[in-house]
Each structure stands twice: as C-alpha cells, then as structure tokens.
C-alpha cells in the first residue's frame, strides 16, 4: 500500500508525464478534488513544482525540478494564482530530503 507521500508523488508524475497537455488527476488525500500543478523559477529549465488539491488544499512541492518543454514557469507577479496549501512532508527515510514541510 502506498503512503500518502508516495500517492502524491504518483499524482505529480502522472501530471508531469502529460505535460504540456492537461490531465485530470484525483486528489490522493481526499479522493474528490482535482490535483493542480504549477512551476516557479526561471526559464533556465529548472524550478520548483507546486502540486496541490483544489478542494482540500493539501499538496507537495519539489525543488530543482526540470520544467518540461512547452511549460512556462509562473512569473513572480502571477504566483498569487497558487493558493496557500498545507504541505505534506516526505515519509521518514525518503530520498526526497530536499523537500520541506511548511505552509505556503
């Protein structure tokens, strides 16, 4: 059985693989809302991925993520389009030590 962190990583990967097209992915936390994905950063090809549920307002973020071709990171003035959401921390022992637990 997947942990909540692993389920969110699967949701991210599903959305990421579909880019630049959109795909509907159901929230791993509540099974009801839709998972959203946005990138912040520069046009250098890497940035931060923000992944959240539009209903329960929980999600994850990943630093140093490759921004796929055809996807434009959010400009600083457009970052307000990403709502405040509760960050799910990586599982203990996860390889994702880079990810922090915080509220955006």
C-alpha atoms as a PDB file:
ATOM      1  CA  UNK A   1       0.000   0.000   0.000  1.00  0.00           C
ATOM      2  CA  UNK A   2       1.274   3.466  -0.894  1.00  0.00           C
ATOM      3  CA  UNK A   3       1.977   6.064   1.751  1.00  0.00           C
ATOM      4  CA  UNK A   4       0.318   9.457   1.313  1.00  0.00           C
ATOM      5  CA  UNK A   5       3.642  10.935   0.152  1.00  0.00           C
ATOM      6  CA  UNK A   6       4.073   8.181  -2.446  1.00  0.00           C
ATOM      7  CA  UNK A   7       0.498   8.716  -3.661  1.00  0.00           C
ATOM      8  CA  UNK A   8       1.204  12.428  -4.117  1.00  0.00           C
ATOM      9  CA  UNK A   9       4.427  11.657  -5.974  1.00  0.00           C
ATOM     10  CA  UNK A  10       2.457   9.341  -8.272  1.00  0.00           C
ATOM     11  CA  UNK A  11      -0.067  12.139  -8.895  1.00  0.00           C
ATOM     12  CA  UNK A  12       2.779  14.527  -9.714  1.00  0.00           C
ATOM     13  CA  UNK A  13       4.391  12.038 -12.085  1.00  0.00           C
ATOM     14  CA  UNK A  14       1.078  11.417 -13.855  1.00  0.00           C
ATOM     15  CA  UNK A  15       0.555  15.152 -14.420  1.00  0.00           C
ATOM     16  CA  UNK A  16       4.212  15.709 -15.320  1.00  0.00           C
ATOM     17  CA  UNK A  17       4.219  12.955 -17.956  1.00  0.00           C
ATOM     18  CA  UNK A  18       1.170  14.506 -19.651  1.00  0.00           C
ATOM     19  CA  UNK A  19       2.716  17.997 -19.966  1.00  0.00           C
ATOM     20  CA  UNK A  20       2.280  20.284 -21.746  1.00  0.00           C
ATOM     21  CA  UNK A  21      -1.220  18.782 -22.086  1.00  0.00           C
ATOM     22  CA  UNK A  22      -3.619  18.846 -19.139  1.00  0.00           C
ATOM     23  CA  UNK A  23      -4.751  15.699 -17.397  1.00  0.00           C
ATOM     24  CA  UNK A  24      -7.335  15.179 -14.664  1.00  0.00           C
ATOM     25  CA  UNK A  25      -5.836  13.521 -11.593  1.00  0.00           C
ATOM     26  CA  UNK A  26      -7.939  12.925  -8.481  1.00  0.00           C
ATOM     27  CA  UNK A  27      -6.612  14.064  -5.105  1.00  0.00           C
ATOM     28  CA  UNK A  28      -4.723  11.312  -3.258  1.00  0.00           C
ATOM     29  CA  UNK A  29      -5.702  12.832   0.100  1.00  0.00           C
ATOM     30  CA  UNK A  30      -9.480  13.047  -0.213  1.00  0.00           C
ATOM     31  CA  UNK A  31     -10.263  11.241  -3.476  1.00  0.00           C
ATOM     32  CA  UNK A  32     -12.515  14.089  -4.519  1.00  0.00           C
ATOM     33  CA  UNK A  33     -10.689  17.218  -5.660  1.00  0.00           C
ATOM     34  CA  UNK A  34      -8.511  17.702  -8.702  1.00  0.00           C
ATOM     35  CA  UNK A  35      -4.733  17.907  -8.431  1.00  0.00           C
ATOM     36  CA  UNK A  36      -3.151  21.038  -9.904  1.00  0.00           C
ATOM     37  CA  UNK A  37       0.459  21.561 -10.983  1.00  0.00           C
ATOM     38  CA  UNK A  38       2.418  24.776 -11.472  1.00  0.00           C
ATOM     39  CA  UNK A  39       6.100  25.595 -11.747  1.00  0.00           C
ATOM     40  CA  UNK A  40       8.000  28.580 -10.425  1.00  0.00           C
ATOM     41  CA  UNK A  41      11.514  29.511 -11.391  1.00  0.00           C
ATOM     42  CA  UNK A  42      13.356  30.947 -14.332  1.00  0.00           C
ATOM     43  CA  UNK A  43      13.429  29.985 -17.959  1.00  0.00           C
ATOM     44  CA  UNK A  44      16.697  28.121 -17.317  1.00  0.00           C
ATOM     45  CA  UNK A  45      14.895  24.784 -17.404  1.00  0.00           C
ATOM     46  CA  UNK A  46      14.621  24.065 -13.689  1.00  0.00           C
ATOM     47  CA  UNK A  47      12.329  25.309 -10.972  1.00  0.00           C
ATOM     48  CA  UNK A  48      10.034  24.328  -8.148  1.00  0.00           C
ATOM     49  CA  UNK A  49       6.964  22.184  -8.802  1.00  0.00           C
ATOM     50  CA  UNK A  50       3.887  23.080  -6.747  1.00  0.00           C
ATOM     51  CA  UNK A  51       1.293  20.295  -6.622  1.00  0.00           C
ATOM     52  CA  UNK A  52      -1.980  20.791  -4.718  1.00  0.00           C
ATOM     53  CA  UNK A  53      -5.611  19.732  -4.452  1.00  0.00           C
ATOM     54  CA  UNK A  54      -8.121  22.410  -5.392  1.00  0.00           C
ATOM     55  CA  UNK A  55     -10.594  21.089  -2.787  1.00  0.00           C
ATOM     56  CA  UNK A  56      -8.735  20.095   0.395  1.00  0.00           C
ATOM     57  CA  UNK A  57      -5.801  22.476  -0.193  1.00  0.00           C
ATOM     58  CA  UNK A  58      -3.061  19.968   0.601  1.00  0.00           C
ATOM     59  CA  UNK A  59      -0.143  19.016  -1.595  1.00  0.00           C
ATOM     60  CA  UNK A  60       3.613  18.823  -2.109  1.00  0.00           C
ATOM     61  CA  UNK A  61       6.397  20.871  -3.617  1.00  0.00           C
ATOM     62  CA  UNK A  62       9.615  19.728  -5.211  1.00  0.00           C
ATOM     63  CA  UNK A  63      12.767  21.825  -5.613  1.00  0.00           C
ATOM     64  CA  UNK A  64      15.131  21.566  -8.572  1.00  0.00           C
ATOM     65  CA  UNK A  65      12.581  20.003 -10.864  1.00  0.00           C
ATOM     66  CA  UNK A  66      13.086  20.094 -14.619  1.00  0.00           C
ATOM     67  CA  UNK A  67      10.427  22.270 -16.227  1.00  0.00           C
ATOM     68  CA  UNK A  68       9.309  20.392 -19.355  1.00  0.00           C
ATOM     69  CA  UNK A  69       9.483  21.912 -22.819  1.00  0.00           C
ATOM     70  CA  UNK A  70       6.333  23.821 -23.645  1.00  0.00           C
ATOM     71  CA  UNK A  71       5.667  24.752 -19.994  1.00  0.00           C
ATOM     72  CA  UNK A  72       6.302  28.304 -18.813  1.00  0.00           C
ATOM     73  CA  UNK A  73       7.071  28.821 -15.103  1.00  0.00           C
ATOM     74  CA  UNK A  74       4.840  31.304 -13.319  1.00  0.00           C
ATOM     75  CA  UNK A  75       6.229  34.818 -13.277  1.00  0.00           C
ATOM     76  CA  UNK A  76       6.591  36.298  -9.766  1.00  0.00           C
ATOM     77  CA  UNK A  77       3.542  38.537 -10.223  1.00  0.00           C
ATOM     78  CA  UNK A  78       1.396  35.505 -11.181  1.00  0.00           C
ATOM     79  CA  UNK A  79       2.410  33.289  -8.256  1.00  0.00           C
ATOM     80  CA  UNK A  80      -0.574  34.561  -6.301  1.00  0.00           C
ATOM     81  CA  UNK A  81      -2.666  32.278  -8.519  1.00  0.00           C
ATOM     82  CA  UNK A  82      -1.305  29.372  -6.469  1.00  0.00           C
ATOM     83  CA  UNK A  83      -3.369  29.217  -3.279  1.00  0.00           C
ATOM     84  CA  UNK A  84      -1.960  28.690   0.187  1.00  0.00           C
ATOM     85  CA  UNK A  85      -1.987  24.957   0.808  1.00  0.00           C
ATOM     86  CA  UNK A  86      -0.815  22.586   3.531  1.00  0.00           C
ATOM     87  CA  UNK A  87       2.385  20.782   2.567  1.00  0.00           C
ATOM     88  CA  UNK A  88       2.574  17.027   3.097  1.00  0.00           C
ATOM     89  CA  UNK A  89       6.022  16.095   4.399  1.00  0.00           C
ATOM     90  CA  UNK A  90       8.000  13.301   2.767  1.00  0.00           C
ATOM     91  CA  UNK A  91       7.917   9.950   4.506  1.00  0.00           C
ATOM     92  CA  UNK A  92      10.649   9.284   7.047  1.00  0.00           C
ATOM     93  CA  UNK A  93      13.609   7.787   5.242  1.00  0.00           C
ATOM     94  CA  UNK A  94      12.510   9.179   1.892  1.00  0.00           C
ATOM     95  CA  UNK A  95      15.152  10.053  -0.675  1.00  0.00           C
ATOM     96  CA  UNK A  96      13.415  13.406  -1.054  1.00  0.00           C
ATOM     97  CA  UNK A  97      15.349  15.186   1.722  1.00  0.00           C
ATOM     98  CA  UNK A  98      15.221  18.316  -0.388  1.00  0.00           C
ATOM     99  CA  UNK A  99      11.518  18.828   0.285  1.00  0.00           C
ATOM    100  CA  UNK A 100      10.471  20.811   3.314  1.00  0.00           C
ATOM    101  CA  UNK A 101       7.309  20.710   5.357  1.00  0.00           C
ATOM    102  CA  UNK A 102       5.737  24.135   5.544  1.00  0.00           C
ATOM    103  CA  UNK A 103       2.652  26.107   4.758  1.00  0.00           C
ATOM    104  CA  UNK A 104       2.947  28.197   1.611  1.00  0.00           C
END
